Amino acid sequence: MENITALLSEGAKVQAYDPEAMENVKGIFGDKITFSEDEYAALKNADALMIMTEWPVFRTPEFDKMLDQLKNKLILDGRNLYDLKQMEELGIEYHSVGRRVVKR
């Protein structure tokens, strides 16, 4: 929740999807953020993807579909879900925790 609060304080627009916690997040942020019906809708025209949870739906995405939605090939991964080599091959700038940054 702190990440969303920090983003909002900097003027960012947040589109969120979480298969389990949507109602809780809605209770906290209300209409301050946009809630999406699925993981791909949350990426539509987004500057970046920020991963803050490791639900199975996020572990094996359709990367082509994901990249079609994002404006920038940028992923900030707080759960280390993806393989660094795969991110390089896909041309994604990828920041994860405690690992090297993959640059495009």
PDB file of N, CA and C in Angstrom:
ATOM      1  N   MET A   1       0.813  -1.196   0.000  1.00  0.00           N
ATOM      2  CA  MET A   1       0.000   0.000   0.000  1.00  0.00           C
ATOM      3  C   MET A   1       0.856   1.260   0.000  1.00  0.00           C
ATOM      4  N   GLU A   2       2.039   1.152   0.641  1.00  0.00           N
ATOM      5  CA  GLU A   2       2.918   2.312   0.688  1.00  0.00           C
ATOM      6  C   GLU A   2       3.373   2.733  -0.699  1.00  0.00           C
ATOM      7  N   ASN A   3       3.570   1.738  -1.583  1.00  0.00           N
ATOM      8  CA  ASN A   3       3.996   2.059  -2.949  1.00  0.00           C
ATOM      9  C   ASN A   3       2.926   2.854  -3.678  1.00  0.00           C
ATOM     10  N   ILE A   4       1.678   2.456  -3.529  1.00  0.00           N
ATOM     11  CA  ILE A   4       0.588   3.181  -4.179  1.00  0.00           C
ATOM     12  C   ILE A   4       0.492   4.592  -3.618  1.00  0.00           C
ATOM     13  N   THR A   5       0.582   4.718  -2.316  1.00  0.00           N
ATOM     14  CA  THR A   5       0.536   6.036  -1.684  1.00  0.00           C
ATOM     15  C   THR A   5       1.663   6.922  -2.202  1.00  0.00           C
ATOM     16  N   ALA A   6       2.879   6.370  -2.299  1.00  0.00           N
ATOM     17  CA  ALA A   6       4.026   7.140  -2.795  1.00  0.00           C
ATOM     18  C   ALA A   6       3.818   7.563  -4.245  1.00  0.00           C
ATOM     19  N   LEU A   7       3.321   6.666  -5.066  1.00  0.00           N
ATOM     20  CA  LEU A   7       3.066   7.009  -6.469  1.00  0.00           C
ATOM     21  C   LEU A   7       2.032   8.117  -6.586  1.00  0.00           C
ATOM     22  N   LEU A   8       0.958   7.999  -5.843  1.00  0.00           N
ATOM     23  CA  LEU A   8      -0.090   9.026  -5.885  1.00  0.00           C
ATOM     24  C   LEU A   8       0.440  10.373  -5.413  1.00  0.00           C
ATOM     25  N   SER A   9       1.284  10.366  -4.395  1.00  0.00           N
ATOM     26  CA  SER A   9       1.819  11.629  -3.878  1.00  0.00           C
ATOM     27  C   SER A   9       2.710  12.331  -4.900  1.00  0.00           C
ATOM     28  N   GLU A  10       3.260  11.575  -5.848  1.00  0.00           N
ATOM     29  CA  GLU A  10       4.094  12.141  -6.903  1.00  0.00           C
ATOM     30  C   GLU A  10       3.287  12.480  -8.155  1.00  0.00           C
ATOM     31  N   GLY A  11       1.966  12.277  -8.086  1.00  0.00           N
ATOM     32  CA  GLY A  11       1.110  12.631  -9.208  1.00  0.00           C
ATOM     33  C   GLY A  11       0.883  11.527 -10.220  1.00  0.00           C
ATOM     34  N   ALA A  12       1.313  10.317  -9.911  1.00  0.00           N
ATOM     35  CA  ALA A  12       1.112   9.194 -10.832  1.00  0.00           C
ATOM     36  C   ALA A  12      -0.352   8.767 -10.845  1.00  0.00           C
ATOM     37  N   LYS A  13      -0.755   8.225 -11.981  1.00  0.00           N
ATOM     38  CA  LYS A  13      -2.059   7.580 -12.086  1.00  0.00           C
ATOM     39  C   LYS A  13      -1.812   6.088 -11.943  1.00  0.00           C
ATOM     40  N   VAL A  14      -2.583   5.445 -11.088  1.00  0.00           N
ATOM     41  CA  VAL A  14      -2.379   4.030 -10.797  1.00  0.00           C
ATOM     42  C   VAL A  14      -3.571   3.231 -11.296  1.00  0.00           C
ATOM     43  N   GLN A  15      -3.262   2.205 -12.115  1.00  0.00           N
ATOM     44  CA  GLN A  15      -4.256   1.221 -12.552  1.00  0.00           C
ATOM     45  C   GLN A  15      -3.864  -0.078 -11.857  1.00  0.00           C
ATOM     46  N   ALA A  16      -4.775  -0.679 -11.125  1.00  0.00           N
ATOM     47  CA  ALA A  16      -4.414  -1.835 -10.308  1.00  0.00           C
ATOM     48  C   ALA A  16      -5.271  -3.051 -10.615  1.00  0.00           C
ATOM     49  N   TYR A  17      -4.651  -4.210 -10.418  1.00  0.00           N
ATOM     50  CA  TYR A  17      -5.372  -5.475 -10.467  1.00  0.00           C
ATOM     51  C   TYR A  17      -4.727  -6.415  -9.463  1.00  0.00           C
ATOM     52  N   ASP A  18      -5.554  -7.063  -8.659  1.00  0.00           N
ATOM     53  CA  ASP A  18      -5.112  -8.090  -7.735  1.00  0.00           C
ATOM     54  C   ASP A  18      -6.267  -9.075  -7.610  1.00  0.00           C
ATOM     55  N   PRO A  19      -6.036 -10.343  -7.926  1.00  0.00           N
ATOM     56  CA  PRO A  19      -7.139 -11.308  -7.925  1.00  0.00           C
ATOM     57  C   PRO A  19      -7.740 -11.574  -6.543  1.00  0.00           C
ATOM     58  N   GLU A  20      -7.057 -11.186  -5.493  1.00  0.00           N
ATOM     59  CA  GLU A  20      -7.529 -11.475  -4.143  1.00  0.00           C
ATOM     60  C   GLU A  20      -7.837 -10.234  -3.301  1.00  0.00           C
ATOM     61  N   ALA A  21      -7.108  -9.167  -3.483  1.00  0.00           N
ATOM     62  CA  ALA A  21      -7.186  -8.037  -2.549  1.00  0.00           C
ATOM     63  C   ALA A  21      -7.909  -6.806  -3.079  1.00  0.00           C
ATOM     64  N   MET A  22      -8.604  -6.915  -4.194  1.00  0.00           N
ATOM     65  CA  MET A  22      -9.226  -5.736  -4.803  1.00  0.00           C
ATOM     66  C   MET A  22     -10.179  -5.020  -3.851  1.00  0.00           C
ATOM     67  N   GLU A  23     -11.000  -5.745  -3.153  1.00  0.00           N
ATOM     68  CA  GLU A  23     -11.973  -5.100  -2.265  1.00  0.00           C
ATOM     69  C   GLU A  23     -11.283  -4.358  -1.130  1.00  0.00           C
ATOM     70  N   ASN A  24     -10.234  -4.951  -0.572  1.00  0.00           N
ATOM     71  CA  ASN A  24      -9.477  -4.271   0.480  1.00  0.00           C
ATOM     72  C   ASN A  24      -8.834  -2.992  -0.034  1.00  0.00           C
ATOM     73  N   VAL A  25      -8.248  -3.069  -1.221  1.00  0.00           N
ATOM     74  CA  VAL A  25      -7.579  -1.906  -1.809  1.00  0.00           C
ATOM     75  C   VAL A  25      -8.610  -0.824  -2.141  1.00  0.00           C
ATOM     76  N   LYS A  26      -9.769  -1.236  -2.646  1.00  0.00           N
ATOM     77  CA  LYS A  26     -10.844  -0.270  -2.918  1.00  0.00           C
ATOM     78  C   LYS A  26     -11.261   0.436  -1.641  1.00  0.00           C
ATOM     79  N   GLY A  27     -11.306  -0.290  -0.538  1.00  0.00           N
ATOM     80  CA  GLY A  27     -11.668   0.308   0.738  1.00  0.00           C
ATOM     81  C   GLY A  27     -10.666   1.348   1.212  1.00  0.00           C
ATOM     82  N   ILE A  28      -9.418   1.177   0.839  1.00  0.00           N
ATOM     83  CA  ILE A  28      -8.366   2.110   1.251  1.00  0.00           C
ATOM     84  C   ILE A  28      -8.262   3.303   0.310  1.00  0.00           C
ATOM     85  N   PHE A  29      -8.271   3.044  -0.998  1.00  0.00           N
ATOM     86  CA  PHE A  29      -8.003   4.108  -1.971  1.00  0.00           C
ATOM     87  C   PHE A  29      -9.231   4.638  -2.700  1.00  0.00           C
ATOM     88  N   GLY A  30     -10.332   3.904  -2.642  1.00  0.00           N
ATOM     89  CA  GLY A  30     -11.552   4.365  -3.304  1.00  0.00           C
ATOM     90  C   GLY A  30     -11.322   4.714  -4.750  1.00  0.00           C
ATOM     91  N   ASP A  31     -11.741   5.917  -5.148  1.00  0.00           N
ATOM     92  CA  ASP A  31     -11.619   6.314  -6.548  1.00  0.00           C
ATOM     93  C   ASP A  31     -10.308   7.043  -6.858  1.00  0.00           C
ATOM     94  N   LYS A  32      -9.345   6.973  -5.954  1.00  0.00           N
ATOM     95  CA  LYS A  32      -8.038   7.596  -6.200  1.00  0.00           C
ATOM     96  C   LYS A  32      -7.216   6.811  -7.220  1.00  0.00           C
ATOM     97  N   ILE A  33      -7.552   5.521  -7.408  1.00  0.00           N
ATOM     98  CA  ILE A  33      -6.882   4.701  -8.410  1.00  0.00           C
ATOM     99  C   ILE A  33      -7.946   4.011  -9.259  1.00  0.00           C
ATOM    100  N   THR A  34      -7.509   3.508 -10.407  1.00  0.00           N
ATOM    101  CA  THR A  34      -8.404   2.780 -11.312  1.00  0.00           C
ATOM    102  C   THR A  34      -8.225   1.291 -11.061  1.00  0.00           C
ATOM    103  N   PHE A  35      -9.330   0.576 -11.003  1.00  0.00           N
ATOM    104  CA  PHE A  35      -9.290  -0.866 -10.798  1.00  0.00           C
ATOM    105  C   PHE A  35      -9.647  -1.558 -12.104  1.00  0.00           C
ATOM    106  N   SER A  36      -8.861  -2.547 -12.485  1.00  0.00           N
ATOM    107  CA  SER A  36      -9.035  -3.239 -13.755  1.00  0.00           C
ATOM    108  C   SER A  36      -9.630  -4.621 -13.552  1.00  0.00           C
ATOM    109  N   GLU A  37     -10.298  -5.119 -14.616  1.00  0.00           N
ATOM    110  CA  GLU A  37     -10.961  -6.421 -14.506  1.00  0.00           C
ATOM    111  C   GLU A  37     -10.008  -7.600 -14.640  1.00  0.00           C
ATOM    112  N   ASP A  38      -8.818  -7.377 -15.206  1.00  0.00           N
ATOM    113  CA  ASP A  38      -7.821  -8.450 -15.274  1.00  0.00           C
ATOM    114  C   ASP A  38      -6.419  -7.856 -15.378  1.00  0.00           C
ATOM    115  N   GLU A  39      -5.431  -8.730 -15.356  1.00  0.00           N
ATOM    116  CA  GLU A  39      -4.040  -8.289 -15.318  1.00  0.00           C
ATOM    117  C   GLU A  39      -3.610  -7.542 -16.575  1.00  0.00           C
ATOM    118  N   TYR A  40      -4.197  -7.867 -17.719  1.00  0.00           N
ATOM    119  CA  TYR A  40      -3.811  -7.202 -18.955  1.00  0.00           C
ATOM    120  C   TYR A  40      -4.489  -5.848 -19.109  1.00  0.00           C
ATOM    121  N   ALA A  41      -5.724  -5.743 -18.670  1.00  0.00           N
ATOM    122  CA  ALA A  41      -6.426  -4.457 -18.721  1.00  0.00           C
ATOM    123  C   ALA A  41      -5.719  -3.417 -17.864  1.00  0.00           C
ATOM    124  N   ALA A  42      -5.096  -3.840 -16.780  1.00  0.00           N
ATOM    125  CA  ALA A  42      -4.375  -2.911 -15.907  1.00  0.00           C
ATOM    126  C   ALA A  42      -3.156  -2.310 -16.594  1.00  0.00           C
ATOM    127  N   LEU A  43      -2.681  -2.950 -17.648  1.00  0.00           N
ATOM    128  CA  LEU A  43      -1.487  -2.487 -18.354  1.00  0.00           C
ATOM    129  C   LEU A  43      -1.780  -1.541 -19.512  1.00  0.00           C
ATOM    130  N   LYS A  44      -3.034  -1.416 -19.881  1.00  0.00           N
ATOM    131  CA  LYS A  44      -3.374  -0.629 -21.060  1.00  0.00           C
ATOM    132  C   LYS A  44      -2.865   0.806 -20.929  1.00  0.00           C
ATOM    133  N   ASN A  45      -1.981   1.192 -21.842  1.00  0.00           N
ATOM    134  CA  ASN A  45      -1.365   2.520 -21.891  1.00  0.00           C
ATOM    135  C   ASN A  45      -0.549   2.870 -20.656  1.00  0.00           C
ATOM    136  N   ALA A  46      -0.153   1.885 -19.880  1.00  0.00           N
ATOM    137  CA  ALA A  46       0.654   2.141 -18.679  1.00  0.00           C
ATOM    138  C   ALA A  46       2.107   2.394 -19.064  1.00  0.00           C
ATOM    139  N   ASP A  47       2.763   3.253 -18.317  1.00  0.00           N
ATOM    140  CA  ASP A  47       4.178   3.524 -18.540  1.00  0.00           C
ATOM    141  C   ASP A  47       5.050   2.361 -18.068  1.00  0.00           C
ATOM    142  N   ALA A  48       4.592   1.642 -17.043  1.00  0.00           N
ATOM    143  CA  ALA A  48       5.385   0.546 -16.479  1.00  0.00           C
ATOM    144  C   ALA A  48       4.470  -0.414 -15.728  1.00  0.00           C
ATOM    145  N   LEU A  49       4.970  -1.604 -15.527  1.00  0.00           N
ATOM    146  CA  LEU A  49       4.307  -2.602 -14.691  1.00  0.00           C
ATOM    147  C   LEU A  49       5.088  -2.695 -13.387  1.00  0.00           C
ATOM    148  N   MET A  50       4.376  -2.579 -12.274  1.00  0.00           N
ATOM    149  CA  MET A  50       4.982  -2.765 -10.963  1.00  0.00           C
ATOM    150  C   MET A  50       4.321  -3.987 -10.331  1.00  0.00           C
ATOM    151  N   ILE A  51       5.108  -5.002 -10.053  1.00  0.00           N
ATOM    152  CA  ILE A  51       4.596  -6.240  -9.465  1.00  0.00           C
ATOM    153  C   ILE A  51       4.845  -6.208  -7.967  1.00  0.00           C
ATOM    154  N   MET A  52       3.761  -6.318  -7.195  1.00  0.00           N
ATOM    155  CA  MET A  52       3.888  -6.255  -5.745  1.00  0.00           C
ATOM    156  C   MET A  52       3.361  -7.502  -5.040  1.00  0.00           C
ATOM    157  N   THR A  53       2.862  -8.451  -5.816  1.00  0.00           N
ATOM    158  CA  THR A  53       2.331  -9.687  -5.236  1.00  0.00           C
ATOM    159  C   THR A  53       2.695 -10.840  -6.163  1.00  0.00           C
ATOM    160  N   GLU A  54       2.681 -12.047  -5.642  1.00  0.00           N
ATOM    161  CA  GLU A  54       3.121 -13.180  -6.457  1.00  0.00           C
ATOM    162  C   GLU A  54       2.035 -14.229  -6.692  1.00  0.00           C
ATOM    163  N   TRP A  55       0.813 -13.782  -6.889  1.00  0.00           N
ATOM    164  CA  TRP A  55      -0.257 -14.714  -7.208  1.00  0.00           C
ATOM    165  C   TRP A  55       0.103 -15.484  -8.475  1.00  0.00           C
ATOM    166  N   PRO A  56      -0.334 -16.736  -8.594  1.00  0.00           N
ATOM    167  CA  PRO A  56       0.002 -17.560  -9.764  1.00  0.00           C
ATOM    168  C   PRO A  56      -0.313 -16.892 -11.113  1.00  0.00           C
ATOM    169  N   VAL A  57      -1.365 -16.107 -11.175  1.00  0.00           N
ATOM    170  CA  VAL A  57      -1.741 -15.456 -12.431  1.00  0.00           C
ATOM    171  C   VAL A  57      -0.634 -14.533 -12.960  1.00  0.00           C
ATOM    172  N   PHE A  58       0.222 -14.045 -12.074  1.00  0.00           N
ATOM    173  CA  PHE A  58       1.306 -13.146 -12.479  1.00  0.00           C
ATOM    174  C   PHE A  58       2.597 -13.882 -12.828  1.00  0.00           C
ATOM    175  N   ARG A  59       2.695 -15.149 -12.447  1.00  0.00           N
ATOM    176  CA  ARG A  59       3.942 -15.892 -12.638  1.00  0.00           C
ATOM    177  C   ARG A  59       4.216 -16.291 -14.082  1.00  0.00           C
ATOM    178  N   THR A  60       3.182 -16.560 -14.840  1.00  0.00           N
ATOM    179  CA  THR A  60       3.365 -17.032 -16.216  1.00  0.00           C
ATOM    180  C   THR A  60       2.477 -16.240 -17.179  1.00  0.00           C
ATOM    181  N   PRO A  61       2.789 -14.972 -17.352  1.00  0.00           N
ATOM    182  CA  PRO A  61       1.959 -14.152 -18.235  1.00  0.00           C
ATOM    183  C   PRO A  61       2.218 -14.459 -19.708  1.00  0.00           C
ATOM    184  N   GLU A  62       1.311 -13.999 -20.538  1.00  0.00           N
ATOM    185  CA  GLU A  62       1.539 -13.995 -21.979  1.00  0.00           C
ATOM    186  C   GLU A  62       2.317 -12.710 -22.251  1.00  0.00           C
ATOM    187  N   PHE A  63       3.628 -12.826 -22.359  1.00  0.00           N
ATOM    188  CA  PHE A  63       4.462 -11.630 -22.470  1.00  0.00           C
ATOM    189  C   PHE A  63       4.136 -10.793 -23.698  1.00  0.00           C
ATOM    190  N   ASP A  64       3.814 -11.432 -24.819  1.00  0.00           N
ATOM    191  CA  ASP A  64       3.457 -10.664 -26.014  1.00  0.00           C
ATOM    192  C   ASP A  64       2.225  -9.804 -25.751  1.00  0.00           C
ATOM    193  N   LYS A  65       1.241 -10.391 -25.104  1.00  0.00           N
ATOM    194  CA  LYS A  65       0.014  -9.656 -24.770  1.00  0.00           C
ATOM    195  C   LYS A  65       0.326  -8.525 -23.781  1.00  0.00           C
ATOM    196  N   MET A  66       1.180  -8.820 -22.829  1.00  0.00           N
ATOM    197  CA  MET A  66       1.586  -7.827 -21.832  1.00  0.00           C
ATOM    198  C   MET A  66       2.270  -6.641 -22.511  1.00  0.00           C
ATOM    199  N   LEU A  67       3.223  -6.934 -23.375  1.00  0.00           N
ATOM    200  CA  LEU A  67       3.999  -5.885 -24.023  1.00  0.00           C
ATOM    201  C   LEU A  67       3.178  -5.074 -25.018  1.00  0.00           C
ATOM    202  N   ASP A  68       2.130  -5.683 -25.588  1.00  0.00           N
ATOM    203  CA  ASP A  68       1.226  -4.943 -26.476  1.00  0.00           C
ATOM    204  C   ASP A  68       0.474  -3.853 -25.730  1.00  0.00           C
ATOM    205  N   GLN A  69       0.241  -4.038 -24.442  1.00  0.00           N
ATOM    206  CA  GLN A  69      -0.524  -3.081 -23.647  1.00  0.00           C
ATOM    207  C   GLN A  69       0.342  -1.961 -23.078  1.00  0.00           C
ATOM    208  N   LEU A  70       1.563  -2.286 -22.679  1.00  0.00           N
ATOM    209  CA  LEU A  70       2.454  -1.309 -22.046  1.00  0.00           C
ATOM    210  C   LEU A  70       2.994  -0.292 -23.052  1.00  0.00           C
ATOM    211  N   LYS A  71       3.053   0.971 -22.653  1.00  0.00           N
ATOM    212  CA  LYS A  71       3.677   1.991 -23.496  1.00  0.00           C
ATOM    213  C   LYS A  71       5.187   1.818 -23.522  1.00  0.00           C
ATOM    214  N   ASN A  72       5.759   1.440 -22.412  1.00  0.00           N
ATOM    215  CA  ASN A  72       7.201   1.230 -22.288  1.00  0.00           C
ATOM    216  C   ASN A  72       7.453  -0.201 -21.837  1.00  0.00           C
ATOM    217  N   LYS A  73       8.500  -0.796 -22.331  1.00  0.00           N
ATOM    218  CA  LYS A  73       8.856  -2.146 -21.900  1.00  0.00           C
ATOM    219  C   LYS A  73       9.642  -2.042 -20.597  1.00  0.00           C
ATOM    220  N   LEU A  74       8.927  -1.746 -19.520  1.00  0.00           N
ATOM    221  CA  LEU A  74       9.554  -1.535 -18.218  1.00  0.00           C
ATOM    222  C   LEU A  74       8.770  -2.290 -17.149  1.00  0.00           C
ATOM    223  N   ILE A  75       9.468  -3.174 -16.439  1.00  0.00           N
ATOM    224  CA  ILE A  75       8.866  -3.926 -15.342  1.00  0.00           C
ATOM    225  C   ILE A  75       9.679  -3.691 -14.074  1.00  0.00           C
ATOM    226  N   LEU A  76       8.979  -3.324 -13.005  1.00  0.00           N
ATOM    227  CA  LEU A  76       9.562  -3.174 -11.674  1.00  0.00           C
ATOM    228  C   LEU A  76       8.992  -4.312 -10.840  1.00  0.00           C
ATOM    229  N   ASP A  77       9.814  -5.292 -10.549  1.00  0.00           N
ATOM    230  CA  ASP A  77       9.338  -6.542  -9.956  1.00  0.00           C
ATOM    231  C   ASP A  77       9.783  -6.674  -8.507  1.00  0.00           C
ATOM    232  N   GLY A  78       8.860  -6.499  -7.599  1.00  0.00           N
ATOM    233  CA  GLY A  78       9.138  -6.613  -6.175  1.00  0.00           C
ATOM    234  C   GLY A  78       9.120  -8.039  -5.666  1.00  0.00           C
ATOM    235  N   ARG A  79       8.880  -9.012  -6.546  1.00  0.00           N
ATOM    236  CA  ARG A  79       8.796 -10.420  -6.142  1.00  0.00           C
ATOM    237  C   ARG A  79       9.735 -11.346  -6.897  1.00  0.00           C
ATOM    238  N   ASN A  80      10.555 -10.785  -7.792  1.00  0.00           N
ATOM    239  CA  ASN A  80      11.511 -11.585  -8.569  1.00  0.00           C
ATOM    240  C   ASN A  80      10.839 -12.744  -9.308  1.00  0.00           C
ATOM    241  N   LEU A  81       9.764 -12.442  -9.990  1.00  0.00           N
ATOM    242  CA  LEU A  81       8.991 -13.481 -10.658  1.00  0.00           C
ATOM    243  C   LEU A  81       9.609 -13.979 -11.959  1.00  0.00           C
ATOM    244  N   TYR A  82      10.381 -13.137 -12.640  1.00  0.00           N
ATOM    245  CA  TYR A  82      10.786 -13.477 -14.001  1.00  0.00           C
ATOM    246  C   TYR A  82      12.279 -13.714 -14.125  1.00  0.00           C
ATOM    247  N   ASP A  83      12.622 -14.504 -15.112  1.00  0.00           N
ATOM    248  CA  ASP A  83      13.994 -14.871 -15.404  1.00  0.00           C
ATOM    249  C   ASP A  83      14.711 -13.719 -16.111  1.00  0.00           C
ATOM    250  N   LEU A  84      15.888 -13.372 -15.640  1.00  0.00           N
ATOM    251  CA  LEU A  84      16.641 -12.254 -16.209  1.00  0.00           C
ATOM    252  C   LEU A  84      16.968 -12.470 -17.688  1.00  0.00           C
ATOM    253  N   LYS A  85      17.351 -13.661 -18.042  1.00  0.00           N
ATOM    254  CA  LYS A  85      17.695 -13.958 -19.437  1.00  0.00           C
ATOM    255  C   LYS A  85      16.473 -13.794 -20.337  1.00  0.00           C
ATOM    256  N   GLN A  86      15.315 -14.236 -19.874  1.00  0.00           N
ATOM    257  CA  GLN A  86      14.098 -14.081 -20.662  1.00  0.00           C
ATOM    258  C   GLN A  86      13.758 -12.602 -20.859  1.00  0.00           C
ATOM    259  N   MET A  87      13.973 -11.801 -19.822  1.00  0.00           N
ATOM    260  CA  MET A  87      13.704 -10.370 -19.945  1.00  0.00           C
ATOM    261  C   MET A  87      14.634  -9.739 -20.978  1.00  0.00           C
ATOM    262  N   GLU A  88      15.897 -10.161 -20.982  1.00  0.00           N
ATOM    263  CA  GLU A  88      16.844  -9.672 -21.988  1.00  0.00           C
ATOM    264  C   GLU A  88      16.382 -10.041 -23.392  1.00  0.00           C
ATOM    265  N   GLU A  89      15.982 -11.293 -23.565  1.00  0.00           N
ATOM    266  CA  GLU A  89      15.544 -11.773 -24.875  1.00  0.00           C
ATOM    267  C   GLU A  89      14.312 -11.027 -25.372  1.00  0.00           C
ATOM    268  N   LEU A  90      13.436 -10.639 -24.448  1.00  0.00           N
ATOM    269  CA  LEU A  90      12.211  -9.924 -24.814  1.00  0.00           C
ATOM    270  C   LEU A  90      12.434  -8.419 -24.973  1.00  0.00           C
ATOM    271  N   GLY A  91      13.620  -7.942 -24.618  1.00  0.00           N
ATOM    272  CA  GLY A  91      13.919  -6.523 -24.737  1.00  0.00           C
ATOM    273  C   GLY A  91      13.221  -5.669 -23.695  1.00  0.00           C
ATOM    274  N   ILE A  92      13.044  -6.235 -22.511  1.00  0.00           N
ATOM    275  CA  ILE A  92      12.358  -5.547 -21.417  1.00  0.00           C
ATOM    276  C   ILE A  92      13.385  -4.972 -20.448  1.00  0.00           C
ATOM    277  N   GLU A  93      13.207  -3.708 -20.069  1.00  0.00           N
ATOM    278  CA  GLU A  93      13.995  -3.168 -18.963  1.00  0.00           C
ATOM    279  C   GLU A  93      13.358  -3.721 -17.697  1.00  0.00           C
ATOM    280  N   TYR A  94      14.164  -4.393 -16.891  1.00  0.00           N
ATOM    281  CA  TYR A  94      13.626  -5.167 -15.774  1.00  0.00           C
ATOM    282  C   TYR A  94      14.427  -4.891 -14.509  1.00  0.00           C
ATOM    283  N   HIS A  95      13.735  -4.390 -13.501  1.00  0.00           N
ATOM    284  CA  HIS A  95      14.327  -4.117 -12.197  1.00  0.00           C
ATOM    285  C   HIS A  95      13.693  -5.069 -11.194  1.00  0.00           C
ATOM    286  N   SER A  96      14.532  -5.849 -10.521  1.00  0.00           N
ATOM    287  CA  SER A  96      14.030  -6.774  -9.512  1.00  0.00           C
ATOM    288  C   SER A  96      14.833  -6.563  -8.231  1.00  0.00           C
ATOM    289  N   VAL A  97      14.503  -7.303  -7.202  1.00  0.00           N
ATOM    290  CA  VAL A  97      15.109  -7.086  -5.885  1.00  0.00           C
ATOM    291  C   VAL A  97      16.371  -7.929  -5.739  1.00  0.00           C
ATOM    292  N   GLY A  98      17.508  -7.240  -5.471  1.00  0.00           N
ATOM    293  CA  GLY A  98      18.750  -7.928  -5.181  1.00  0.00           C
ATOM    294  C   GLY A  98      19.422  -8.593  -6.374  1.00  0.00           C
ATOM    295  N   ARG A  99      18.959  -8.264  -7.575  1.00  0.00           N
ATOM    296  CA  ARG A  99      19.556  -8.832  -8.776  1.00  0.00           C
ATOM    297  C   ARG A  99      19.966  -7.697  -9.713  1.00  0.00           C
ATOM    298  N   ARG A 100      20.761  -8.024 -10.714  1.00  0.00           N
ATOM    299  CA  ARG A 100      21.195  -6.994 -11.640  1.00  0.00           C
ATOM    300  C   ARG A 100      20.013  -6.459 -12.449  1.00  0.00           C
ATOM    301  N   VAL A 101      20.140  -5.239 -12.909  1.00  0.00           N
ATOM    302  CA  VAL A 101      19.119  -4.614 -13.737  1.00  0.00           C
ATOM    303  C   VAL A 101      19.326  -5.064 -15.175  1.00  0.00           C
ATOM    304  N   VAL A 102      18.235  -5.421 -15.826  1.00  0.00           N
ATOM    305  CA  VAL A 102      18.274  -5.743 -17.251  1.00  0.00           C
ATOM    306  C   VAL A 102      17.870  -4.485 -17.992  1.00  0.00           C
ATOM    307  N   LYS A 103      18.739  -4.012 -18.854  1.00  0.00           N
ATOM    308  CA  LYS A 103      18.437  -2.805 -19.632  1.00  0.00           C
ATOM    309  C   LYS A 103      18.185  -3.183 -21.076  1.00  0.00           C
ATOM    310  N   ARG A 104      17.374  -2.362 -21.720  1.00  0.00           N
ATOM    311  CA  ARG A 104      17.083  -2.604 -23.149  1.00  0.00           C
ATOM    312  C   ARG A 104      18.231  -2.145 -23.993  1.00  0.00           C
TER     313      ARG A 104
END
